[in-house]
Amino acid sequence: MARTGIGRWCRALGRDYAAALRETAEGARRRPAAALASAAALSAAAACGASVPSAESFEAAAVEAAATLLLLSPGTRSPGAERHVQRLLRRREAERLRYRHLLLLAVVYEAPHGAGAQLYGSRCPYLRPRWREAPARVLDVGFGGRWWLLRRRLRDCDVNEEEFAALPPPLRRLEPRQLRSQRNERLFMAKFEPAVLSNEEVDEEEA
């Protein structure tokens, strides 16, 4: 085999790989900082690619989100979160969810028809959705082992934002610095403490 064309091709390929490895090692010795940065970037990209969530994990996350909302009373449940989760479940039942793995992240988007549809509109290439409609069809983005849009929708799922619709815009949202939870807790506990009056205050009350 060593004298055949395949053997010569294998030897040439081995020499090319060996030369490329030697050049890479020499370049790393000359510029160690750049080599370290490149290795770190490749390692980060590999970690991101390995942590991209799967299509099954999205369906499981949608079902888990629906179960979380069912534990809340309708009065405190977020209507926006409920509409989003119900939209995902309806698309899932109709087999209209599509999953795409894009190396470092994953995208779940909505298809106009189910997977087994035999309608003319689902088969004709001229009736397929246009690229400009793609952003409106995206349902979630998976990165780092999480589905970020669904996670954002469920962040305040126990707050019914429609209850605050009648308030002025500055009062509809509170910043963390405006809560003053420690001060409010101290004032709440202070009402259970006995009142202590000085002698002057007692004399003023008796007078």
N, C-alpha and C. Protein backbone atom coordinates (compact mmCIF):
# COMPACT_ATOMS: atom_id res chain seq x y z
N MET A 1 0.83 -1.21 0.00
CA MET A 1 0.00 0.00 0.00
C MET A 1 0.86 1.25 0.00
N ALA A 2 2.11 1.15 0.56
CA ALA A 2 2.97 2.33 0.66
C ALA A 2 3.38 2.83 -0.72
N ARG A 3 3.41 1.94 -1.75
CA ARG A 3 3.85 2.35 -3.07
C ARG A 3 2.68 2.77 -3.97
N THR A 4 1.49 2.58 -3.54
CA THR A 4 0.33 2.94 -4.35
C THR A 4 0.03 4.42 -4.22
N GLY A 5 -0.96 4.86 -5.04
CA GLY A 5 -1.34 6.27 -4.98
C GLY A 5 -1.95 6.65 -3.64
N ILE A 6 -2.69 5.72 -3.03
CA ILE A 6 -3.30 6.02 -1.73
C ILE A 6 -2.22 6.19 -0.67
N GLY A 7 -1.16 5.34 -0.73
CA GLY A 7 -0.10 5.47 0.24
C GLY A 7 0.64 6.79 0.12
N ARG A 8 0.92 7.19 -1.13
CA ARG A 8 1.60 8.48 -1.32
C ARG A 8 0.73 9.64 -0.85
N TRP A 9 -0.58 9.52 -1.10
CA TRP A 9 -1.50 10.59 -0.66
C TRP A 9 -1.54 10.68 0.86
N CYS A 10 -1.53 9.53 1.53
CA CYS A 10 -1.54 9.53 2.99
C CYS A 10 -0.25 10.13 3.55
N ARG A 11 0.92 9.78 2.93
CA ARG A 11 2.18 10.36 3.40
C ARG A 11 2.21 11.87 3.19
N ALA A 12 1.72 12.33 2.04
CA ALA A 12 1.68 13.77 1.78
C ALA A 12 0.75 14.48 2.77
N LEU A 13 -0.37 13.85 3.04
CA LEU A 13 -1.30 14.46 4.01
C LEU A 13 -0.69 14.53 5.40
N GLY A 14 0.04 13.46 5.80
CA GLY A 14 0.70 13.47 7.10
C GLY A 14 1.78 14.54 7.19
N ARG A 15 2.54 14.72 6.08
CA ARG A 15 3.57 15.77 6.08
C ARG A 15 2.94 17.16 6.18
N ASP A 16 1.80 17.36 5.49
CA ASP A 16 1.13 18.67 5.55
C ASP A 16 0.65 18.97 6.97
N TYR A 17 0.05 17.98 7.62
CA TYR A 17 -0.42 18.19 8.99
C TYR A 17 0.74 18.43 9.94
N ALA A 18 1.83 17.71 9.77
CA ALA A 18 3.00 17.90 10.63
C ALA A 18 3.58 19.29 10.45
N ALA A 19 3.66 19.77 9.19
CA ALA A 19 4.17 21.12 8.95
C ALA A 19 3.26 22.17 9.55
N ALA A 20 1.93 21.96 9.46
CA ALA A 20 0.99 22.92 10.05
C ALA A 20 1.13 22.95 11.57
N LEU A 21 1.33 21.80 12.20
CA LEU A 21 1.50 21.77 13.65
C LEU A 21 2.79 22.45 14.07
N ARG A 22 3.86 22.25 13.31
CA ARG A 22 5.12 22.91 13.64
C ARG A 22 4.99 24.43 13.52
N GLU A 23 4.33 24.89 12.47
CA GLU A 23 4.15 26.34 12.30
C GLU A 23 3.27 26.91 13.41
N THR A 24 2.26 26.17 13.82
CA THR A 24 1.41 26.64 14.92
C THR A 24 2.21 26.73 16.21
N ALA A 25 3.04 25.73 16.49
CA ALA A 25 3.85 25.76 17.71
C ALA A 25 4.87 26.90 17.68
N GLU A 26 5.48 27.13 16.52
CA GLU A 26 6.43 28.24 16.41
C GLU A 26 5.73 29.58 16.59
N GLY A 27 4.55 29.74 16.01
CA GLY A 27 3.81 30.98 16.18
C GLY A 27 3.40 31.20 17.62
N ALA A 28 3.03 30.13 18.34
CA ALA A 28 2.67 30.26 19.74
C ALA A 28 3.86 30.66 20.59
N ARG A 29 5.08 30.15 20.26
CA ARG A 29 6.27 30.56 21.01
C ARG A 29 6.63 32.01 20.75
N ARG A 30 6.41 32.47 19.51
CA ARG A 30 6.74 33.87 19.20
C ARG A 30 5.73 34.85 19.82
N ARG A 31 4.46 34.47 19.82
CA ARG A 31 3.40 35.36 20.35
C ARG A 31 2.55 34.58 21.34
N PRO A 32 3.06 34.40 22.57
CA PRO A 32 2.30 33.58 23.54
C PRO A 32 0.97 34.21 23.95
N ALA A 33 0.92 35.55 24.03
CA ALA A 33 -0.33 36.20 24.43
C ALA A 33 -1.43 35.96 23.41
N ALA A 34 -1.11 36.12 22.13
CA ALA A 34 -2.10 35.89 21.08
C ALA A 34 -2.53 34.42 21.05
N ALA A 35 -1.57 33.53 21.26
CA ALA A 35 -1.92 32.10 21.28
C ALA A 35 -2.83 31.77 22.45
N LEU A 36 -2.55 32.38 23.62
CA LEU A 36 -3.41 32.13 24.78
C LEU A 36 -4.80 32.69 24.55
N ALA A 37 -4.89 33.87 23.95
CA ALA A 37 -6.20 34.45 23.67
C ALA A 37 -6.97 33.60 22.67
N SER A 38 -6.29 33.10 21.65
CA SER A 38 -6.96 32.24 20.67
C SER A 38 -7.45 30.95 21.31
N ALA A 39 -6.62 30.35 22.18
CA ALA A 39 -7.03 29.13 22.86
C ALA A 39 -8.22 29.38 23.77
N ALA A 40 -8.21 30.53 24.47
CA ALA A 40 -9.34 30.86 25.34
C ALA A 40 -10.61 31.07 24.53
N ALA A 41 -10.49 31.76 23.39
CA ALA A 41 -11.67 31.98 22.55
C ALA A 41 -12.22 30.67 22.00
N LEU A 42 -11.33 29.78 21.58
CA LEU A 42 -11.80 28.48 21.08
C LEU A 42 -12.44 27.66 22.18
N SER A 43 -11.87 27.72 23.39
CA SER A 43 -12.46 26.98 24.51
C SER A 43 -13.83 27.54 24.86
N ALA A 44 -13.97 28.88 24.86
CA ALA A 44 -15.27 29.48 25.15
C ALA A 44 -16.29 29.11 24.09
N ALA A 45 -15.87 29.14 22.81
CA ALA A 45 -16.79 28.76 21.75
C ALA A 45 -17.21 27.30 21.87
N ALA A 46 -16.26 26.43 22.22
CA ALA A 46 -16.60 25.02 22.39
C ALA A 46 -17.56 24.81 23.56
N ALA A 47 -17.35 25.57 24.65
CA ALA A 47 -18.25 25.46 25.80
C ALA A 47 -19.64 25.95 25.45
N CYS A 48 -19.72 27.06 24.70
CA CYS A 48 -21.03 27.57 24.28
C CYS A 48 -21.73 26.59 23.36
N GLY A 49 -20.98 26.00 22.44
CA GLY A 49 -21.58 25.04 21.54
C GLY A 49 -22.07 23.79 22.26
N ALA A 50 -21.34 23.37 23.28
CA ALA A 50 -21.76 22.18 24.03
C ALA A 50 -22.96 22.45 24.92
N SER A 51 -23.18 23.71 25.31
CA SER A 51 -24.29 24.03 26.22
C SER A 51 -25.53 24.52 25.50
N VAL A 52 -25.57 24.42 24.17
CA VAL A 52 -26.77 24.85 23.44
C VAL A 52 -27.92 23.90 23.78
N PRO A 53 -29.07 24.41 24.23
CA PRO A 53 -30.18 23.53 24.60
C PRO A 53 -30.79 22.85 23.38
N SER A 54 -31.44 21.73 23.62
CA SER A 54 -32.03 20.93 22.55
C SER A 54 -33.50 21.29 22.37
N ALA A 55 -34.09 20.73 21.32
CA ALA A 55 -35.52 20.95 21.07
C ALA A 55 -36.37 20.33 22.17
N GLU A 56 -35.94 19.17 22.67
CA GLU A 56 -36.69 18.53 23.75
C GLU A 56 -36.68 19.38 25.01
N SER A 57 -35.56 20.07 25.28
CA SER A 57 -35.50 20.91 26.46
C SER A 57 -36.44 22.10 26.34
N PHE A 58 -36.66 22.61 25.12
CA PHE A 58 -37.60 23.72 24.95
C PHE A 58 -39.03 23.27 25.23
N GLU A 59 -39.40 22.12 24.72
CA GLU A 59 -40.75 21.62 24.99
C GLU A 59 -40.94 21.36 26.47
N ALA A 60 -39.92 20.81 27.12
CA ALA A 60 -40.02 20.57 28.56
C ALA A 60 -40.13 21.89 29.32
N ALA A 61 -39.38 22.91 28.90
CA ALA A 61 -39.45 24.21 29.56
C ALA A 61 -40.82 24.85 29.38
N ALA A 62 -41.43 24.70 28.20
CA ALA A 62 -42.76 25.26 27.97
C ALA A 62 -43.81 24.57 28.84
N VAL A 63 -43.74 23.26 28.94
CA VAL A 63 -44.69 22.52 29.79
C VAL A 63 -44.47 22.88 31.26
N GLU A 64 -43.23 23.00 31.68
CA GLU A 64 -42.96 23.38 33.06
C GLU A 64 -43.45 24.80 33.36
N ALA A 65 -43.32 25.70 32.39
CA ALA A 65 -43.83 27.06 32.57
C ALA A 65 -45.35 27.06 32.71
N ALA A 66 -46.03 26.24 31.92
CA ALA A 66 -47.49 26.15 32.05
C ALA A 66 -47.88 25.61 33.42
N ALA A 67 -47.15 24.63 33.93
CA ALA A 67 -47.44 24.10 35.27
C ALA A 67 -47.20 25.15 36.34
N THR A 68 -46.16 25.96 36.18
CA THR A 68 -45.89 27.03 37.14
C THR A 68 -47.02 28.04 37.17
N LEU A 69 -47.55 28.39 36.00
CA LEU A 69 -48.65 29.36 35.95
C LEU A 69 -49.93 28.79 36.54
N LEU A 70 -50.13 27.48 36.40
CA LEU A 70 -51.34 26.87 36.96
C LEU A 70 -51.35 26.91 38.48
N LEU A 71 -50.19 26.99 39.09
CA LEU A 71 -50.13 27.06 40.55
C LEU A 71 -50.51 28.45 41.08
N LEU A 72 -50.59 29.43 40.20
CA LEU A 72 -50.95 30.79 40.61
C LEU A 72 -52.43 31.02 40.39
N SER A 73 -53.02 31.84 41.22
CA SER A 73 -54.44 32.17 41.05
C SER A 73 -54.60 33.08 39.84
N PRO A 74 -55.75 33.03 39.17
CA PRO A 74 -55.93 33.87 37.97
C PRO A 74 -55.78 35.36 38.25
N GLY A 75 -56.07 35.80 39.47
CA GLY A 75 -55.97 37.22 39.78
C GLY A 75 -54.55 37.72 39.87
N THR A 76 -53.62 36.86 40.24
CA THR A 76 -52.22 37.27 40.38
C THR A 76 -51.35 36.82 39.22
N ARG A 77 -51.90 36.04 38.32
CA ARG A 77 -51.13 35.51 37.19
C ARG A 77 -50.90 36.61 36.15
N SER A 78 -49.70 36.64 35.59
CA SER A 78 -49.38 37.64 34.57
C SER A 78 -50.07 37.28 33.26
N PRO A 79 -50.95 38.14 32.74
CA PRO A 79 -51.61 37.83 31.46
C PRO A 79 -50.61 37.71 30.31
N GLY A 80 -49.58 38.54 30.30
CA GLY A 80 -48.60 38.46 29.23
C GLY A 80 -47.85 37.14 29.22
N ALA A 81 -47.44 36.68 30.41
CA ALA A 81 -46.76 35.39 30.49
C ALA A 81 -47.68 34.24 30.11
N GLU A 82 -48.95 34.34 30.52
CA GLU A 82 -49.89 33.28 30.19
C GLU A 82 -50.16 33.22 28.69
N ARG A 83 -50.31 34.36 28.05
CA ARG A 83 -50.53 34.36 26.60
C ARG A 83 -49.33 33.79 25.86
N HIS A 84 -48.13 34.14 26.31
CA HIS A 84 -46.94 33.62 25.64
C HIS A 84 -46.83 32.11 25.79
N VAL A 85 -47.06 31.61 26.98
CA VAL A 85 -46.94 30.16 27.21
C VAL A 85 -48.04 29.41 26.45
N GLN A 86 -49.25 29.93 26.46
CA GLN A 86 -50.33 29.28 25.71
C GLN A 86 -50.06 29.28 24.21
N ARG A 87 -49.42 30.34 23.72
CA ARG A 87 -49.05 30.37 22.31
C ARG A 87 -48.04 29.27 21.99
N LEU A 88 -47.07 29.08 22.87
CA LEU A 88 -46.09 28.02 22.66
C LEU A 88 -46.75 26.64 22.68
N LEU A 89 -47.66 26.42 23.62
CA LEU A 89 -48.31 25.12 23.71
C LEU A 89 -49.20 24.84 22.51
N ARG A 90 -49.90 25.87 22.01
CA ARG A 90 -50.73 25.67 20.82
C ARG A 90 -49.87 25.34 19.61
N ARG A 91 -48.75 26.03 19.44
CA ARG A 91 -47.85 25.71 18.32
C ARG A 91 -47.26 24.32 18.48
N ARG A 92 -47.02 23.92 19.70
CA ARG A 92 -46.47 22.57 19.94
C ARG A 92 -47.50 21.51 19.59
N GLU A 93 -48.75 21.70 19.97
CA GLU A 93 -49.78 20.71 19.66
C GLU A 93 -50.03 20.63 18.15
N ALA A 94 -49.89 21.76 17.47
CA ALA A 94 -50.11 21.77 16.01
C ALA A 94 -48.86 21.39 15.23
N GLU A 95 -47.77 21.02 15.92
CA GLU A 95 -46.51 20.63 15.28
C GLU A 95 -45.96 21.74 14.38
N ARG A 96 -46.06 22.95 14.89
CA ARG A 96 -45.60 24.11 14.13
C ARG A 96 -44.32 24.71 14.71
N LEU A 97 -43.72 24.05 15.67
CA LEU A 97 -42.46 24.53 16.23
C LEU A 97 -41.31 23.98 15.40
N ARG A 98 -40.36 24.84 15.09
CA ARG A 98 -39.17 24.43 14.35
C ARG A 98 -37.93 24.82 15.15
N TYR A 99 -36.96 23.93 15.13
CA TYR A 99 -35.73 24.12 15.92
C TYR A 99 -34.54 24.16 14.97
N ARG A 100 -33.65 25.14 15.20
CA ARG A 100 -32.44 25.25 14.40
C ARG A 100 -31.24 25.44 15.33
N HIS A 101 -30.23 24.59 15.13
CA HIS A 101 -28.98 24.69 15.89
C HIS A 101 -28.00 25.51 15.07
N LEU A 102 -27.58 26.66 15.61
CA LEU A 102 -26.70 27.59 14.90
C LEU A 102 -25.34 27.67 15.57
N LEU A 103 -24.70 26.53 15.77
CA LEU A 103 -23.36 26.41 16.35
C LEU A 103 -23.30 26.89 17.79
N LEU A 104 -23.38 28.21 18.01
CA LEU A 104 -23.23 28.75 19.36
C LEU A 104 -24.56 29.00 20.05
N LEU A 105 -25.66 28.94 19.35
CA LEU A 105 -26.98 29.15 19.93
C LEU A 105 -28.00 28.37 19.13
N ALA A 106 -29.22 28.33 19.67
CA ALA A 106 -30.32 27.64 19.01
C ALA A 106 -31.51 28.60 18.92
N VAL A 107 -32.32 28.40 17.91
CA VAL A 107 -33.47 29.25 17.67
C VAL A 107 -34.69 28.36 17.48
N VAL A 108 -35.78 28.72 18.15
CA VAL A 108 -37.07 28.07 17.94
C VAL A 108 -38.00 29.09 17.30
N TYR A 109 -38.57 28.73 16.16
CA TYR A 109 -39.43 29.66 15.45
C TYR A 109 -40.72 28.95 15.05
N GLU A 110 -41.65 29.76 14.59
CA GLU A 110 -42.99 29.26 14.25
C GLU A 110 -43.10 29.01 12.76
N ALA A 111 -43.59 27.84 12.40
CA ALA A 111 -43.83 27.50 11.00
C ALA A 111 -45.30 27.77 10.66
N PRO A 112 -45.58 28.17 9.44
CA PRO A 112 -46.98 28.47 9.10
C PRO A 112 -47.88 27.24 9.05
N HIS A 113 -47.29 26.04 8.89
CA HIS A 113 -48.09 24.82 8.79
C HIS A 113 -47.42 23.73 9.61
N GLY A 114 -48.18 22.70 9.91
CA GLY A 114 -47.66 21.57 10.64
C GLY A 114 -46.68 20.76 9.81
N ALA A 115 -45.98 19.85 10.49
CA ALA A 115 -44.94 19.08 9.80
C ALA A 115 -45.54 18.14 8.75
N GLY A 116 -46.72 17.59 9.01
CA GLY A 116 -47.31 16.64 8.07
C GLY A 116 -48.36 17.23 7.16
N ALA A 117 -48.43 18.55 7.07
CA ALA A 117 -49.46 19.18 6.24
C ALA A 117 -49.17 18.94 4.76
N GLN A 118 -50.22 18.63 4.00
CA GLN A 118 -50.10 18.40 2.56
C GLN A 118 -50.83 19.47 1.75
N LEU A 119 -51.07 20.63 2.36
CA LEU A 119 -51.75 21.70 1.67
C LEU A 119 -50.84 22.31 0.60
N TYR A 120 -51.49 22.93 -0.37
CA TYR A 120 -50.70 23.55 -1.45
C TYR A 120 -49.83 24.67 -0.91
N GLY A 121 -50.37 25.44 0.05
CA GLY A 121 -49.60 26.54 0.62
C GLY A 121 -48.37 26.09 1.38
N SER A 122 -48.40 24.88 1.90
CA SER A 122 -47.24 24.38 2.65
C SER A 122 -46.19 23.74 1.74
N ARG A 123 -46.54 23.45 0.47
CA ARG A 123 -45.61 22.80 -0.45
C ARG A 123 -45.08 23.74 -1.53
N CYS A 124 -45.80 24.76 -1.83
CA CYS A 124 -45.37 25.67 -2.89
C CYS A 124 -44.22 26.54 -2.40
N PRO A 125 -43.07 26.54 -3.07
CA PRO A 125 -41.94 27.35 -2.60
C PRO A 125 -42.18 28.85 -2.70
N TYR A 126 -43.12 29.27 -3.56
CA TYR A 126 -43.38 30.69 -3.73
C TYR A 126 -44.28 31.26 -2.63
N LEU A 127 -44.90 30.39 -1.85
CA LEU A 127 -45.77 30.83 -0.77
C LEU A 127 -45.13 30.69 0.60
N ARG A 128 -43.86 30.36 0.63
CA ARG A 128 -43.17 30.25 1.91
C ARG A 128 -42.93 31.63 2.51
N PRO A 129 -42.81 31.71 3.84
CA PRO A 129 -42.59 33.02 4.47
C PRO A 129 -41.30 33.66 3.97
N ARG A 130 -41.32 34.98 3.85
CA ARG A 130 -40.16 35.72 3.40
C ARG A 130 -39.18 35.93 4.56
N TRP A 131 -37.93 36.24 4.19
CA TRP A 131 -36.91 36.44 5.21
C TRP A 131 -37.21 37.65 6.09
N ARG A 132 -37.87 38.65 5.54
CA ARG A 132 -38.18 39.82 6.36
C ARG A 132 -39.20 39.52 7.45
N GLU A 133 -39.90 38.39 7.33
CA GLU A 133 -40.86 37.99 8.34
C GLU A 133 -40.22 37.12 9.43
N ALA A 134 -38.94 36.78 9.28
CA ALA A 134 -38.29 35.88 10.22
C ALA A 134 -38.26 36.41 11.65
N PRO A 135 -37.95 37.69 11.90
CA PRO A 135 -37.92 38.14 13.31
C PRO A 135 -39.25 37.98 14.03
N ALA A 136 -40.36 38.17 13.33
CA ALA A 136 -41.67 38.03 13.97
C ALA A 136 -42.01 36.57 14.26
N ARG A 137 -41.36 35.64 13.59
CA ARG A 137 -41.66 34.22 13.79
C ARG A 137 -40.79 33.57 14.86
N VAL A 138 -39.75 34.26 15.32
CA VAL A 138 -38.87 33.69 16.33
C VAL A 138 -39.61 33.65 17.67
N LEU A 139 -39.62 32.50 18.30
CA LEU A 139 -40.29 32.31 19.58
C LEU A 139 -39.33 32.31 20.75
N ASP A 140 -38.11 31.84 20.55
CA ASP A 140 -37.15 31.82 21.65
C ASP A 140 -35.74 31.60 21.09
N VAL A 141 -34.78 31.98 21.93
CA VAL A 141 -33.36 31.83 21.61
C VAL A 141 -32.70 31.08 22.76
N GLY A 142 -32.02 29.99 22.44
CA GLY A 142 -31.33 29.19 23.44
C GLY A 142 -29.84 29.43 23.43
N PHE A 143 -29.30 29.71 24.60
CA PHE A 143 -27.87 29.98 24.72
C PHE A 143 -27.46 29.70 26.15
N GLY A 144 -26.31 29.05 26.31
CA GLY A 144 -25.82 28.77 27.66
C GLY A 144 -26.70 27.84 28.46
N GLY A 145 -27.39 26.93 27.79
CA GLY A 145 -28.23 25.97 28.49
C GLY A 145 -29.58 26.51 28.93
N ARG A 146 -29.97 27.72 28.46
CA ARG A 146 -31.25 28.31 28.87
C ARG A 146 -31.99 28.85 27.65
N TRP A 147 -33.30 28.97 27.81
CA TRP A 147 -34.16 29.60 26.82
C TRP A 147 -34.50 30.98 27.36
N TRP A 148 -33.91 32.02 26.74
CA TRP A 148 -33.89 33.33 27.37
C TRP A 148 -35.20 34.08 27.26
N LEU A 149 -35.92 33.99 26.16
CA LEU A 149 -37.18 34.71 26.05
C LEU A 149 -38.23 34.14 26.99
N LEU A 150 -38.30 32.84 27.10
CA LEU A 150 -39.24 32.23 28.04
C LEU A 150 -38.86 32.56 29.47
N ARG A 151 -37.59 32.57 29.76
CA ARG A 151 -37.12 32.94 31.10
C ARG A 151 -37.50 34.40 31.43
N ARG A 152 -37.38 35.27 30.45
CA ARG A 152 -37.74 36.68 30.67
C ARG A 152 -39.24 36.83 30.89
N ARG A 153 -40.04 36.09 30.15
CA ARG A 153 -41.49 36.18 30.31
C ARG A 153 -41.95 35.71 31.68
N LEU A 154 -41.24 34.74 32.23
CA LEU A 154 -41.65 34.18 33.52
C LEU A 154 -40.99 34.88 34.71
N ARG A 155 -40.24 35.94 34.47
CA ARG A 155 -39.52 36.58 35.57
C ARG A 155 -40.50 37.12 36.62
N ASP A 156 -41.57 37.78 36.20
CA ASP A 156 -42.58 38.31 37.11
C ASP A 156 -43.94 37.72 36.78
N CYS A 157 -43.97 36.39 36.64
CA CYS A 157 -45.23 35.75 36.24
C CYS A 157 -46.29 35.79 37.34
N ASP A 158 -45.91 36.10 38.58
CA ASP A 158 -46.88 36.19 39.68
C ASP A 158 -47.34 37.62 39.91
N VAL A 159 -47.12 38.51 38.97
CA VAL A 159 -47.56 39.90 39.07
C VAL A 159 -48.50 40.19 37.90
N ASN A 160 -49.73 40.56 38.23
CA ASN A 160 -50.72 40.90 37.20
C ASN A 160 -50.54 42.36 36.83
N GLU A 161 -49.86 42.62 35.72
CA GLU A 161 -49.56 43.99 35.34
C GLU A 161 -50.78 44.78 34.95
N GLU A 162 -51.90 44.10 34.60
CA GLU A 162 -53.10 44.82 34.22
C GLU A 162 -53.76 45.50 35.43
N GLU A 163 -53.46 45.06 36.64
CA GLU A 163 -54.01 45.71 37.82
C GLU A 163 -53.45 47.12 38.01
N PHE A 164 -52.28 47.39 37.43
CA PHE A 164 -51.65 48.69 37.59
C PHE A 164 -51.84 49.58 36.37
N ALA A 165 -52.72 49.17 35.44
CA ALA A 165 -52.89 49.95 34.21
C ALA A 165 -53.52 51.30 34.48
N ALA A 166 -54.30 51.43 35.56
CA ALA A 166 -54.97 52.71 35.85
C ALA A 166 -54.06 53.70 36.56
N LEU A 167 -52.89 53.27 36.99
CA LEU A 167 -51.97 54.17 37.68
C LEU A 167 -51.23 55.05 36.69
N PRO A 168 -50.75 56.20 37.13
CA PRO A 168 -49.91 57.03 36.24
C PRO A 168 -48.64 56.27 35.86
N PRO A 169 -48.07 56.57 34.71
CA PRO A 169 -46.86 55.84 34.26
C PRO A 169 -45.72 55.83 35.25
N PRO A 170 -45.43 56.92 36.00
CA PRO A 170 -44.30 56.84 36.95
C PRO A 170 -44.52 55.85 38.09
N LEU A 171 -45.79 55.49 38.36
CA LEU A 171 -46.08 54.59 39.48
C LEU A 171 -46.29 53.15 39.05
N ARG A 172 -46.21 52.88 37.76
CA ARG A 172 -46.44 51.51 37.30
C ARG A 172 -45.24 50.60 37.50
N ARG A 173 -44.08 51.18 37.70
CA ARG A 173 -42.87 50.39 37.86
C ARG A 173 -42.02 50.98 38.97
N LEU A 174 -41.49 50.13 39.83
CA LEU A 174 -40.61 50.55 40.91
C LEU A 174 -39.21 50.03 40.66
N GLU A 175 -38.25 50.86 40.90
CA GLU A 175 -36.86 50.46 40.82
C GLU A 175 -36.45 49.77 42.12
N PRO A 176 -35.42 48.91 42.09
CA PRO A 176 -34.98 48.25 43.33
C PRO A 176 -34.60 49.22 44.45
N ARG A 177 -34.04 50.36 44.08
CA ARG A 177 -33.65 51.32 45.12
C ARG A 177 -34.85 51.99 45.78
N GLN A 178 -36.05 51.89 45.16
CA GLN A 178 -37.23 52.51 45.71
C GLN A 178 -37.99 51.61 46.68
N LEU A 179 -37.60 50.37 46.78
CA LEU A 179 -38.36 49.44 47.62
C LEU A 179 -38.12 49.69 49.10
N ARG A 180 -36.86 49.90 49.49
CA ARG A 180 -36.49 50.16 50.88
C ARG A 180 -37.08 49.06 51.78
N SER A 181 -36.82 47.82 51.43
CA SER A 181 -37.44 46.71 52.15
C SER A 181 -36.98 46.64 53.61
N GLN A 182 -35.69 46.91 53.88
CA GLN A 182 -35.22 46.85 55.26
C GLN A 182 -35.89 47.91 56.12
N ARG A 183 -36.01 49.12 55.59
CA ARG A 183 -36.66 50.19 56.35
C ARG A 183 -38.14 49.85 56.58
N ASN A 184 -38.80 49.32 55.57
CA ASN A 184 -40.21 48.95 55.72
C ASN A 184 -40.38 47.84 56.74
N GLU A 185 -39.47 46.88 56.78
CA GLU A 185 -39.56 45.81 57.77
C GLU A 185 -39.36 46.34 59.19
N ARG A 186 -38.42 47.28 59.35
CA ARG A 186 -38.22 47.86 60.68
C ARG A 186 -39.46 48.62 61.14
N LEU A 187 -40.07 49.38 60.23
CA LEU A 187 -41.28 50.11 60.60
C LEU A 187 -42.43 49.16 60.90
N PHE A 188 -42.49 48.04 60.16
CA PHE A 188 -43.56 47.06 60.42
C PHE A 188 -43.39 46.42 61.79
N MET A 189 -42.18 46.08 62.17
CA MET A 189 -41.95 45.47 63.47
C MET A 189 -42.06 46.48 64.60
N ALA A 190 -41.83 47.76 64.29
CA ALA A 190 -41.90 48.78 65.35
C ALA A 190 -43.31 48.97 65.88
N LYS A 191 -44.33 48.65 65.09
CA LYS A 191 -45.70 48.87 65.56
C LYS A 191 -46.11 47.87 66.64
N PHE A 192 -45.34 46.77 66.77
CA PHE A 192 -45.64 45.80 67.81
C PHE A 192 -44.92 46.11 69.12
N GLU A 193 -44.05 47.09 69.14
CA GLU A 193 -43.32 47.44 70.36
C GLU A 193 -44.18 48.34 71.24
N PRO A 194 -44.06 48.22 72.58
CA PRO A 194 -44.86 49.07 73.48
C PRO A 194 -44.41 50.53 73.39
N ALA A 195 -45.37 51.40 73.53
CA ALA A 195 -45.07 52.83 73.49
C ALA A 195 -44.42 53.26 74.80
N VAL A 196 -43.35 54.00 74.72
CA VAL A 196 -42.61 54.50 75.89
C VAL A 196 -42.70 56.02 75.88
N LEU A 197 -43.26 56.58 76.95
CA LEU A 197 -43.42 58.03 77.07
C LEU A 197 -42.51 58.56 78.18
N SER A 198 -41.92 59.71 77.93
CA SER A 198 -41.11 60.36 78.97
C SER A 198 -42.00 61.07 79.98
N ASN A 199 -41.42 61.53 81.11
CA ASN A 199 -42.19 62.23 82.13
C ASN A 199 -42.80 63.51 81.58
N GLU A 200 -42.04 64.21 80.74
CA GLU A 200 -42.58 65.44 80.17
C GLU A 200 -43.78 65.16 79.28
N GLU A 201 -43.72 64.08 78.51
CA GLU A 201 -44.85 63.74 77.65
C GLU A 201 -46.06 63.31 78.47
N VAL A 202 -45.80 62.61 79.59
CA VAL A 202 -46.91 62.22 80.47
C VAL A 202 -47.57 63.45 81.09
N ASP A 203 -46.74 64.42 81.55
CA ASP A 203 -47.29 65.65 82.15
C ASP A 203 -48.10 66.42 81.12
N GLU A 204 -47.60 66.47 79.86
CA GLU A 204 -48.34 67.18 78.83
C GLU A 204 -49.68 66.52 78.55
N GLU A 205 -49.72 65.17 78.57
CA GLU A 205 -50.97 64.49 78.34
C GLU A 205 -51.93 64.70 79.48
N GLU A 206 -51.44 64.69 80.74
CA GLU A 206 -52.34 64.89 81.89
C GLU A 206 -52.84 66.32 81.96
N ALA A 207 -52.03 67.28 81.52
CA ALA A 207 -52.46 68.68 81.55
C ALA A 207 -53.55 68.90 80.48
